[in-house]
Amino acid sequence: LYPPLGHRSYSGGANTGYGPGGNHRINMDKANDSVLVLAQIETLEGVRNCEAILDVPGITGAVIGPCDLSISRNDPDDMFAEEEVEMIARVQKACHDRGKKFGLIGPYRLMAMLPEATDLAVAAFDTTLLRTGCLEAVKEFEAMNRTEKKGDAWT
């Protein structure tokens, strides 16, 4: 963020929409109003302090890392545990009560377990999509190889 909210240095070009020089205050205020500053909450301590974290000026939301949260709970193999879903829901509620964004790094199944809508789905889903697509391609290939080959065509 730019001053007075942060300490970022100023730059023209893309940061100012390639506009003419000057108007620095206007450009900085516009940028400050449009930037998302997300706190990543992934520990028991983070959940316990989520309200205070979200009350920090300039924070526009929070993202939960459920896998790391389950590790912090000393239950690394169950991010779907009732206790964890309740903790995630607490952060979600704290965000929405303050008019801030809530995001999740995790599977859609976990999103469906939450009481309110998730505003941001974070990039961990790309690997899920790639893995799912690859598995479907392998299944299709295996199915083709189980059919009888007649001449040069698969039947």
N, C-alpha and C. Protein backbone atom coordinates (compact mmCIF):
# COMPACT_ATOMS: atom_id res chain seq x y z
N LEU A 1 0.83 -1.18 0.00
CA LEU A 1 0.00 0.00 0.00
C LEU A 1 0.88 1.25 0.00
N TYR A 2 0.35 2.30 -0.57
CA TYR A 2 1.03 3.59 -0.58
C TYR A 2 0.74 4.35 0.71
N PRO A 3 1.60 5.31 1.05
CA PRO A 3 1.31 6.16 2.21
C PRO A 3 -0.04 6.85 2.02
N PRO A 4 -0.79 7.10 3.05
CA PRO A 4 -0.44 6.95 4.45
C PRO A 4 -0.73 5.56 5.02
N LEU A 5 -1.28 4.65 4.21
CA LEU A 5 -1.62 3.30 4.70
C LEU A 5 -0.43 2.36 4.74
N GLY A 6 0.54 2.59 3.89
CA GLY A 6 1.69 1.69 3.82
C GLY A 6 2.94 2.44 3.46
N HIS A 7 3.94 1.71 2.99
CA HIS A 7 5.25 2.31 2.71
C HIS A 7 5.77 1.96 1.33
N ARG A 8 4.90 1.57 0.44
CA ARG A 8 5.31 1.19 -0.90
C ARG A 8 5.87 2.40 -1.64
N SER A 9 6.91 2.16 -2.46
CA SER A 9 7.45 3.25 -3.27
C SER A 9 6.53 3.48 -4.47
N TYR A 10 6.60 4.66 -5.03
CA TYR A 10 5.72 5.06 -6.13
C TYR A 10 6.36 4.76 -7.47
N SER A 11 5.55 4.34 -8.41
CA SER A 11 6.01 4.09 -9.76
C SER A 11 4.89 4.43 -10.73
N GLY A 12 5.26 4.94 -11.87
CA GLY A 12 4.28 5.24 -12.91
C GLY A 12 4.01 4.00 -13.76
N GLY A 13 3.76 4.20 -15.01
CA GLY A 13 3.51 3.09 -15.94
C GLY A 13 2.22 2.36 -15.62
N ALA A 14 2.30 1.04 -15.54
CA ALA A 14 1.11 0.23 -15.31
C ALA A 14 0.42 0.59 -14.00
N ASN A 15 1.18 1.00 -13.00
CA ASN A 15 0.59 1.36 -11.71
C ASN A 15 -0.33 2.56 -11.79
N THR A 16 -0.17 3.36 -12.82
CA THR A 16 -1.00 4.55 -12.98
C THR A 16 -1.84 4.49 -14.24
N GLY A 17 -1.99 3.30 -14.80
CA GLY A 17 -2.77 3.17 -16.03
C GLY A 17 -2.11 3.87 -17.20
N TYR A 18 -0.80 4.02 -17.15
CA TYR A 18 -0.01 4.70 -18.18
C TYR A 18 -0.49 6.12 -18.42
N GLY A 19 -1.02 6.73 -17.37
CA GLY A 19 -1.49 8.11 -17.46
C GLY A 19 -0.35 9.10 -17.43
N PRO A 20 -0.68 10.37 -17.62
CA PRO A 20 0.36 11.40 -17.60
C PRO A 20 0.95 11.55 -16.20
N GLY A 21 2.11 12.18 -16.13
CA GLY A 21 2.76 12.42 -14.85
C GLY A 21 1.90 13.30 -13.95
N GLY A 22 2.27 13.36 -12.70
CA GLY A 22 1.49 14.13 -11.73
C GLY A 22 0.35 13.29 -11.19
N ASN A 23 -0.54 13.92 -10.50
CA ASN A 23 -1.70 13.24 -9.91
C ASN A 23 -1.29 12.11 -8.98
N HIS A 24 -0.14 12.23 -8.35
CA HIS A 24 0.37 11.14 -7.52
C HIS A 24 -0.60 10.79 -6.38
N ARG A 25 -1.11 11.78 -5.68
CA ARG A 25 -2.02 11.51 -4.57
C ARG A 25 -3.26 10.79 -5.07
N ILE A 26 -3.82 11.24 -6.18
CA ILE A 26 -5.02 10.61 -6.74
C ILE A 26 -4.71 9.16 -7.12
N ASN A 27 -3.57 8.94 -7.78
CA ASN A 27 -3.18 7.58 -8.19
C ASN A 27 -2.94 6.68 -6.98
N MET A 28 -2.29 7.21 -5.96
CA MET A 28 -2.01 6.40 -4.76
C MET A 28 -3.30 6.06 -4.02
N ASP A 29 -4.19 7.02 -3.88
CA ASP A 29 -5.46 6.76 -3.19
C ASP A 29 -6.29 5.74 -3.96
N LYS A 30 -6.31 5.87 -5.28
CA LYS A 30 -7.06 4.93 -6.13
C LYS A 30 -6.48 3.51 -5.97
N ALA A 31 -5.17 3.40 -6.00
CA ALA A 31 -4.53 2.09 -5.84
C ALA A 31 -4.81 1.51 -4.46
N ASN A 32 -4.70 2.34 -3.42
CA ASN A 32 -4.97 1.86 -2.06
C ASN A 32 -6.40 1.35 -1.92
N ASP A 33 -7.33 1.98 -2.61
CA ASP A 33 -8.73 1.55 -2.53
C ASP A 33 -9.01 0.26 -3.30
N SER A 34 -8.11 -0.11 -4.23
CA SER A 34 -8.40 -1.27 -5.07
C SER A 34 -7.53 -2.50 -4.76
N VAL A 35 -6.57 -2.36 -3.87
CA VAL A 35 -5.66 -3.46 -3.56
C VAL A 35 -6.27 -4.37 -2.50
N LEU A 36 -6.14 -5.68 -2.71
CA LEU A 36 -6.54 -6.66 -1.69
C LEU A 36 -5.31 -6.96 -0.83
N VAL A 37 -5.46 -6.80 0.46
CA VAL A 37 -4.41 -7.18 1.41
C VAL A 37 -5.01 -8.28 2.27
N LEU A 38 -4.55 -9.50 2.02
CA LEU A 38 -5.13 -10.67 2.67
C LEU A 38 -4.18 -11.25 3.71
N ALA A 39 -4.70 -11.47 4.89
CA ALA A 39 -3.95 -12.17 5.93
C ALA A 39 -4.16 -13.66 5.72
N GLN A 40 -3.08 -14.43 5.71
CA GLN A 40 -3.20 -15.88 5.57
C GLN A 40 -3.19 -16.48 6.97
N ILE A 41 -4.29 -17.10 7.33
CA ILE A 41 -4.47 -17.67 8.68
C ILE A 41 -4.41 -19.18 8.57
N GLU A 42 -3.39 -19.77 9.22
CA GLU A 42 -3.16 -21.20 9.07
C GLU A 42 -2.80 -21.90 10.38
N THR A 43 -2.99 -21.23 11.50
CA THR A 43 -2.63 -21.82 12.79
C THR A 43 -3.74 -21.60 13.81
N LEU A 44 -3.67 -22.38 14.90
CA LEU A 44 -4.62 -22.19 16.00
C LEU A 44 -4.53 -20.76 16.52
N GLU A 45 -3.31 -20.26 16.68
CA GLU A 45 -3.12 -18.90 17.18
C GLU A 45 -3.73 -17.87 16.22
N GLY A 46 -3.58 -18.10 14.94
CA GLY A 46 -4.19 -17.20 13.96
C GLY A 46 -5.70 -17.17 14.07
N VAL A 47 -6.31 -18.35 14.24
CA VAL A 47 -7.77 -18.41 14.40
C VAL A 47 -8.19 -17.71 15.68
N ARG A 48 -7.46 -17.98 16.78
CA ARG A 48 -7.79 -17.33 18.07
C ARG A 48 -7.72 -15.81 17.96
N ASN A 49 -6.85 -15.31 17.11
CA ASN A 49 -6.65 -13.86 16.98
C ASN A 49 -7.22 -13.29 15.69
N CYS A 50 -8.09 -14.03 15.03
CA CYS A 50 -8.55 -13.59 13.70
C CYS A 50 -9.27 -12.26 13.74
N GLU A 51 -10.05 -12.00 14.78
CA GLU A 51 -10.76 -10.73 14.85
C GLU A 51 -9.77 -9.56 14.94
N ALA A 52 -8.76 -9.70 15.78
CA ALA A 52 -7.74 -8.64 15.91
C ALA A 52 -6.96 -8.47 14.61
N ILE A 53 -6.65 -9.57 13.96
CA ILE A 53 -5.93 -9.51 12.68
C ILE A 53 -6.76 -8.75 11.66
N LEU A 54 -8.04 -9.08 11.58
CA LEU A 54 -8.91 -8.44 10.59
C LEU A 54 -9.20 -6.98 10.91
N ASP A 55 -8.99 -6.57 12.14
CA ASP A 55 -9.19 -5.17 12.52
C ASP A 55 -7.98 -4.29 12.24
N VAL A 56 -6.88 -4.87 11.77
CA VAL A 56 -5.71 -4.08 11.41
C VAL A 56 -6.06 -3.21 10.20
N PRO A 57 -5.83 -1.90 10.29
CA PRO A 57 -6.13 -1.04 9.15
C PRO A 57 -5.41 -1.50 7.88
N GLY A 58 -6.15 -1.53 6.78
CA GLY A 58 -5.58 -1.93 5.50
C GLY A 58 -5.82 -3.38 5.14
N ILE A 59 -6.11 -4.24 6.12
CA ILE A 59 -6.41 -5.65 5.83
C ILE A 59 -7.79 -5.71 5.20
N THR A 60 -7.88 -6.32 4.01
CA THR A 60 -9.16 -6.38 3.31
C THR A 60 -9.81 -7.76 3.36
N GLY A 61 -9.12 -8.73 3.98
CA GLY A 61 -9.71 -10.05 4.11
C GLY A 61 -8.71 -11.05 4.62
N ALA A 62 -9.13 -12.30 4.65
CA ALA A 62 -8.28 -13.39 5.12
C ALA A 62 -8.47 -14.61 4.23
N VAL A 63 -7.40 -15.39 4.15
CA VAL A 63 -7.41 -16.66 3.44
C VAL A 63 -6.99 -17.73 4.44
N ILE A 64 -7.74 -18.82 4.46
CA ILE A 64 -7.44 -19.94 5.35
C ILE A 64 -6.70 -21.02 4.57
N GLY A 65 -5.66 -21.56 5.19
CA GLY A 65 -4.96 -22.73 4.67
C GLY A 65 -5.35 -23.93 5.52
N PRO A 66 -6.36 -24.70 5.12
CA PRO A 66 -6.87 -25.77 5.97
C PRO A 66 -5.89 -26.90 6.22
N CYS A 67 -5.00 -27.19 5.29
CA CYS A 67 -4.03 -28.26 5.52
C CYS A 67 -3.08 -27.85 6.65
N ASP A 68 -2.54 -26.64 6.57
CA ASP A 68 -1.65 -26.17 7.63
C ASP A 68 -2.40 -26.00 8.95
N LEU A 69 -3.66 -25.60 8.88
CA LEU A 69 -4.46 -25.49 10.10
C LEU A 69 -4.62 -26.86 10.75
N SER A 70 -4.87 -27.89 9.94
CA SER A 70 -5.01 -29.24 10.52
C SER A 70 -3.69 -29.71 11.13
N ILE A 71 -2.57 -29.32 10.55
CA ILE A 71 -1.26 -29.64 11.13
C ILE A 71 -1.11 -28.91 12.47
N SER A 72 -1.52 -27.64 12.50
CA SER A 72 -1.45 -26.87 13.74
C SER A 72 -2.33 -27.48 14.83
N ARG A 73 -3.43 -28.12 14.43
CA ARG A 73 -4.34 -28.78 15.38
C ARG A 73 -3.80 -30.15 15.79
N ASN A 74 -2.67 -30.55 15.23
CA ASN A 74 -2.06 -31.85 15.48
C ASN A 74 -2.92 -32.99 14.95
N ASP A 75 -3.60 -32.72 13.83
CA ASP A 75 -4.41 -33.73 13.16
C ASP A 75 -4.22 -33.52 11.65
N PRO A 76 -2.99 -33.77 11.17
CA PRO A 76 -2.64 -33.38 9.81
C PRO A 76 -3.39 -34.09 8.69
N ASP A 77 -4.08 -35.14 8.99
CA ASP A 77 -4.75 -35.88 7.94
C ASP A 77 -6.26 -35.69 7.90
N ASP A 78 -6.78 -34.70 8.66
CA ASP A 78 -8.22 -34.50 8.66
C ASP A 78 -8.59 -33.03 8.68
N MET A 79 -8.54 -32.41 7.50
CA MET A 79 -8.96 -31.02 7.43
C MET A 79 -10.49 -30.91 7.34
N PHE A 80 -11.19 -32.04 7.35
CA PHE A 80 -12.65 -32.04 7.32
C PHE A 80 -13.23 -32.29 8.71
N ALA A 81 -12.39 -32.35 9.73
CA ALA A 81 -12.86 -32.59 11.10
C ALA A 81 -13.81 -31.46 11.51
N GLU A 82 -14.80 -31.81 12.30
CA GLU A 82 -15.79 -30.83 12.76
C GLU A 82 -15.12 -29.64 13.43
N GLU A 83 -14.12 -29.89 14.26
CA GLU A 83 -13.40 -28.81 14.95
C GLU A 83 -12.78 -27.85 13.94
N GLU A 84 -12.19 -28.39 12.89
CA GLU A 84 -11.54 -27.53 11.90
C GLU A 84 -12.56 -26.72 11.11
N VAL A 85 -13.64 -27.36 10.70
CA VAL A 85 -14.68 -26.65 9.96
C VAL A 85 -15.23 -25.50 10.81
N GLU A 86 -15.40 -25.75 12.10
CA GLU A 86 -15.88 -24.68 13.01
C GLU A 86 -14.87 -23.54 13.10
N MET A 87 -13.59 -23.87 13.12
CA MET A 87 -12.56 -22.84 13.18
C MET A 87 -12.55 -22.01 11.89
N ILE A 88 -12.66 -22.68 10.78
CA ILE A 88 -12.69 -21.98 9.49
C ILE A 88 -13.93 -21.10 9.42
N ALA A 89 -15.07 -21.62 9.89
CA ALA A 89 -16.31 -20.85 9.89
C ALA A 89 -16.19 -19.61 10.79
N ARG A 90 -15.43 -19.72 11.87
CA ARG A 90 -15.21 -18.56 12.74
C ARG A 90 -14.49 -17.44 11.97
N VAL A 91 -13.46 -17.81 11.24
CA VAL A 91 -12.72 -16.80 10.46
C VAL A 91 -13.62 -16.24 9.36
N GLN A 92 -14.38 -17.12 8.72
CA GLN A 92 -15.31 -16.69 7.68
C GLN A 92 -16.30 -15.67 8.23
N LYS A 93 -16.88 -15.95 9.39
CA LYS A 93 -17.85 -15.05 10.01
C LYS A 93 -17.17 -13.73 10.40
N ALA A 94 -15.98 -13.80 10.96
CA ALA A 94 -15.26 -12.58 11.34
C ALA A 94 -15.02 -11.70 10.11
N CYS A 95 -14.68 -12.32 9.00
CA CYS A 95 -14.49 -11.55 7.75
C CYS A 95 -15.79 -10.90 7.33
N HIS A 96 -16.83 -11.69 7.21
CA HIS A 96 -18.09 -11.17 6.70
C HIS A 96 -18.73 -10.16 7.65
N ASP A 97 -18.56 -10.34 8.97
CA ASP A 97 -19.07 -9.36 9.93
C ASP A 97 -18.41 -8.00 9.75
N ARG A 98 -17.19 -7.99 9.22
CA ARG A 98 -16.44 -6.75 9.03
C ARG A 98 -16.51 -6.27 7.58
N GLY A 99 -17.29 -6.96 6.76
CA GLY A 99 -17.39 -6.57 5.35
C GLY A 99 -16.11 -6.86 4.57
N LYS A 100 -15.37 -7.89 4.99
CA LYS A 100 -14.11 -8.23 4.35
C LYS A 100 -14.23 -9.55 3.61
N LYS A 101 -13.32 -9.78 2.68
CA LYS A 101 -13.32 -10.99 1.86
C LYS A 101 -12.82 -12.19 2.65
N PHE A 102 -13.35 -13.36 2.30
CA PHE A 102 -12.91 -14.61 2.91
C PHE A 102 -12.51 -15.57 1.80
N GLY A 103 -11.33 -16.17 1.94
CA GLY A 103 -10.86 -17.11 0.94
C GLY A 103 -10.40 -18.41 1.55
N LEU A 104 -10.32 -19.44 0.73
CA LEU A 104 -9.96 -20.77 1.19
C LEU A 104 -9.02 -21.41 0.17
N ILE A 105 -7.95 -22.01 0.69
CA ILE A 105 -7.05 -22.81 -0.13
C ILE A 105 -7.44 -24.26 0.19
N GLY A 106 -8.23 -24.85 -0.64
CA GLY A 106 -8.67 -26.20 -0.32
C GLY A 106 -9.74 -26.68 -1.27
N PRO A 107 -10.21 -27.90 -1.03
CA PRO A 107 -11.16 -28.52 -1.95
C PRO A 107 -12.57 -27.92 -1.85
N TYR A 108 -13.29 -28.06 -2.95
CA TYR A 108 -14.67 -27.58 -3.00
C TYR A 108 -15.53 -28.23 -1.92
N ARG A 109 -15.23 -29.48 -1.61
CA ARG A 109 -16.00 -30.20 -0.59
C ARG A 109 -15.95 -29.45 0.74
N LEU A 110 -14.81 -28.89 1.07
CA LEU A 110 -14.69 -28.13 2.31
C LEU A 110 -15.50 -26.84 2.24
N MET A 111 -15.48 -26.18 1.09
CA MET A 111 -16.29 -24.97 0.91
C MET A 111 -17.77 -25.26 1.15
N ALA A 112 -18.22 -26.41 0.67
CA ALA A 112 -19.63 -26.78 0.80
C ALA A 112 -20.03 -27.00 2.26
N MET A 113 -19.07 -27.26 3.13
CA MET A 113 -19.36 -27.51 4.54
C MET A 113 -19.48 -26.21 5.34
N LEU A 114 -19.12 -25.08 4.73
CA LEU A 114 -19.13 -23.81 5.45
C LEU A 114 -20.51 -23.15 5.37
N PRO A 115 -20.87 -22.39 6.42
CA PRO A 115 -22.22 -21.82 6.48
C PRO A 115 -22.47 -20.67 5.51
N GLU A 116 -21.43 -19.99 5.07
CA GLU A 116 -21.60 -18.85 4.17
C GLU A 116 -20.78 -19.07 2.91
N ALA A 117 -20.99 -18.20 1.94
CA ALA A 117 -20.25 -18.30 0.68
C ALA A 117 -18.79 -17.93 0.88
N THR A 118 -17.95 -18.57 0.10
CA THR A 118 -16.54 -18.25 0.07
C THR A 118 -16.32 -17.25 -1.06
N ASP A 119 -15.60 -16.16 -0.74
CA ASP A 119 -15.41 -15.11 -1.73
C ASP A 119 -14.25 -15.39 -2.68
N LEU A 120 -13.23 -16.10 -2.19
CA LEU A 120 -12.03 -16.35 -2.97
C LEU A 120 -11.63 -17.82 -2.89
N ALA A 121 -11.39 -18.42 -4.03
CA ALA A 121 -10.83 -19.78 -4.07
C ALA A 121 -9.40 -19.63 -4.54
N VAL A 122 -8.46 -20.14 -3.78
CA VAL A 122 -7.06 -19.87 -4.05
C VAL A 122 -6.42 -21.02 -4.83
N ALA A 123 -5.35 -20.74 -5.51
CA ALA A 123 -4.69 -21.53 -6.53
C ALA A 123 -4.44 -23.01 -6.29
N ALA A 124 -4.61 -23.54 -5.12
CA ALA A 124 -4.36 -24.97 -4.92
C ALA A 124 -5.24 -25.81 -5.83
N PHE A 125 -6.29 -25.25 -6.36
CA PHE A 125 -7.22 -26.00 -7.19
C PHE A 125 -6.62 -26.39 -8.54
N ASP A 126 -5.59 -25.66 -9.01
CA ASP A 126 -5.03 -25.99 -10.31
C ASP A 126 -4.46 -27.41 -10.32
N THR A 127 -3.81 -27.81 -9.26
CA THR A 127 -3.26 -29.17 -9.22
C THR A 127 -4.38 -30.21 -9.16
N THR A 128 -5.45 -29.89 -8.47
CA THR A 128 -6.60 -30.80 -8.42
C THR A 128 -7.19 -30.97 -9.82
N LEU A 129 -7.33 -29.87 -10.54
CA LEU A 129 -7.88 -29.94 -11.89
C LEU A 129 -6.96 -30.74 -12.82
N LEU A 130 -5.66 -30.50 -12.74
CA LEU A 130 -4.71 -31.24 -13.58
C LEU A 130 -4.73 -32.73 -13.24
N ARG A 131 -4.72 -33.05 -11.95
CA ARG A 131 -4.73 -34.46 -11.54
C ARG A 131 -6.02 -35.14 -12.00
N THR A 132 -7.15 -34.47 -11.83
CA THR A 132 -8.43 -35.04 -12.24
C THR A 132 -8.46 -35.27 -13.75
N GLY A 133 -7.98 -34.28 -14.50
CA GLY A 133 -7.94 -34.42 -15.96
C GLY A 133 -7.04 -35.56 -16.41
N CYS A 134 -5.88 -35.70 -15.78
CA CYS A 134 -4.96 -36.78 -16.11
C CYS A 134 -5.57 -38.14 -15.78
N LEU A 135 -6.22 -38.24 -14.63
CA LEU A 135 -6.85 -39.51 -14.26
C LEU A 135 -7.95 -39.90 -15.25
N GLU A 136 -8.72 -38.91 -15.70
CA GLU A 136 -9.77 -39.19 -16.69
C GLU A 136 -9.16 -39.65 -18.01
N ALA A 137 -8.05 -39.05 -18.42
CA ALA A 137 -7.39 -39.45 -19.66
C ALA A 137 -6.86 -40.87 -19.54
N VAL A 138 -6.29 -41.24 -18.40
CA VAL A 138 -5.79 -42.60 -18.19
C VAL A 138 -6.95 -43.59 -18.25
N LYS A 139 -8.07 -43.26 -17.60
CA LYS A 139 -9.24 -44.16 -17.62
C LYS A 139 -9.73 -44.36 -19.06
N GLU A 140 -9.77 -43.28 -19.82
CA GLU A 140 -10.21 -43.37 -21.21
C GLU A 140 -9.25 -44.24 -22.02
N PHE A 141 -7.95 -44.05 -21.82
CA PHE A 141 -6.94 -44.85 -22.52
C PHE A 141 -7.07 -46.33 -22.15
N GLU A 142 -7.23 -46.61 -20.85
CA GLU A 142 -7.38 -48.00 -20.41
C GLU A 142 -8.63 -48.63 -21.00
N ALA A 143 -9.71 -47.86 -21.07
CA ALA A 143 -10.95 -48.38 -21.65
C ALA A 143 -10.75 -48.71 -23.13
N MET A 144 -10.01 -47.86 -23.82
CA MET A 144 -9.74 -48.13 -25.24
C MET A 144 -8.92 -49.40 -25.39
N ASN A 145 -7.98 -49.63 -24.51
CA ASN A 145 -7.11 -50.81 -24.61
C ASN A 145 -7.82 -52.09 -24.21
N ARG A 146 -8.95 -51.99 -23.53
CA ARG A 146 -9.71 -53.20 -23.16
C ARG A 146 -10.61 -53.67 -24.29
N THR A 147 -10.83 -52.82 -25.28
CA THR A 147 -11.68 -53.23 -26.41
C THR A 147 -10.84 -54.06 -27.38
N GLU A 148 -11.53 -54.78 -28.21
CA GLU A 148 -10.81 -55.61 -29.19
C GLU A 148 -10.38 -54.75 -30.36
N LYS A 149 -9.19 -55.03 -30.85
CA LYS A 149 -8.68 -54.30 -32.00
C LYS A 149 -9.00 -55.11 -33.25
N LYS A 150 -9.65 -54.45 -34.21
CA LYS A 150 -9.97 -55.09 -35.49
C LYS A 150 -9.32 -54.25 -36.56
N GLY A 151 -8.35 -54.81 -37.23
CA GLY A 151 -7.65 -54.07 -38.26
C GLY A 151 -6.90 -52.91 -37.64
N ASP A 152 -7.05 -51.74 -38.23
CA ASP A 152 -6.39 -50.54 -37.72
C ASP A 152 -7.28 -49.70 -36.85
N ALA A 153 -8.53 -50.12 -36.63
CA ALA A 153 -9.47 -49.30 -35.87
C ALA A 153 -9.79 -49.95 -34.53
N TRP A 154 -9.99 -49.12 -33.53
CA TRP A 154 -10.45 -49.59 -32.21
C TRP A 154 -11.96 -49.71 -32.24
N THR A 155 -12.49 -50.76 -31.65
CA THR A 155 -13.95 -50.88 -31.61
C THR A 155 -14.42 -50.95 -30.19
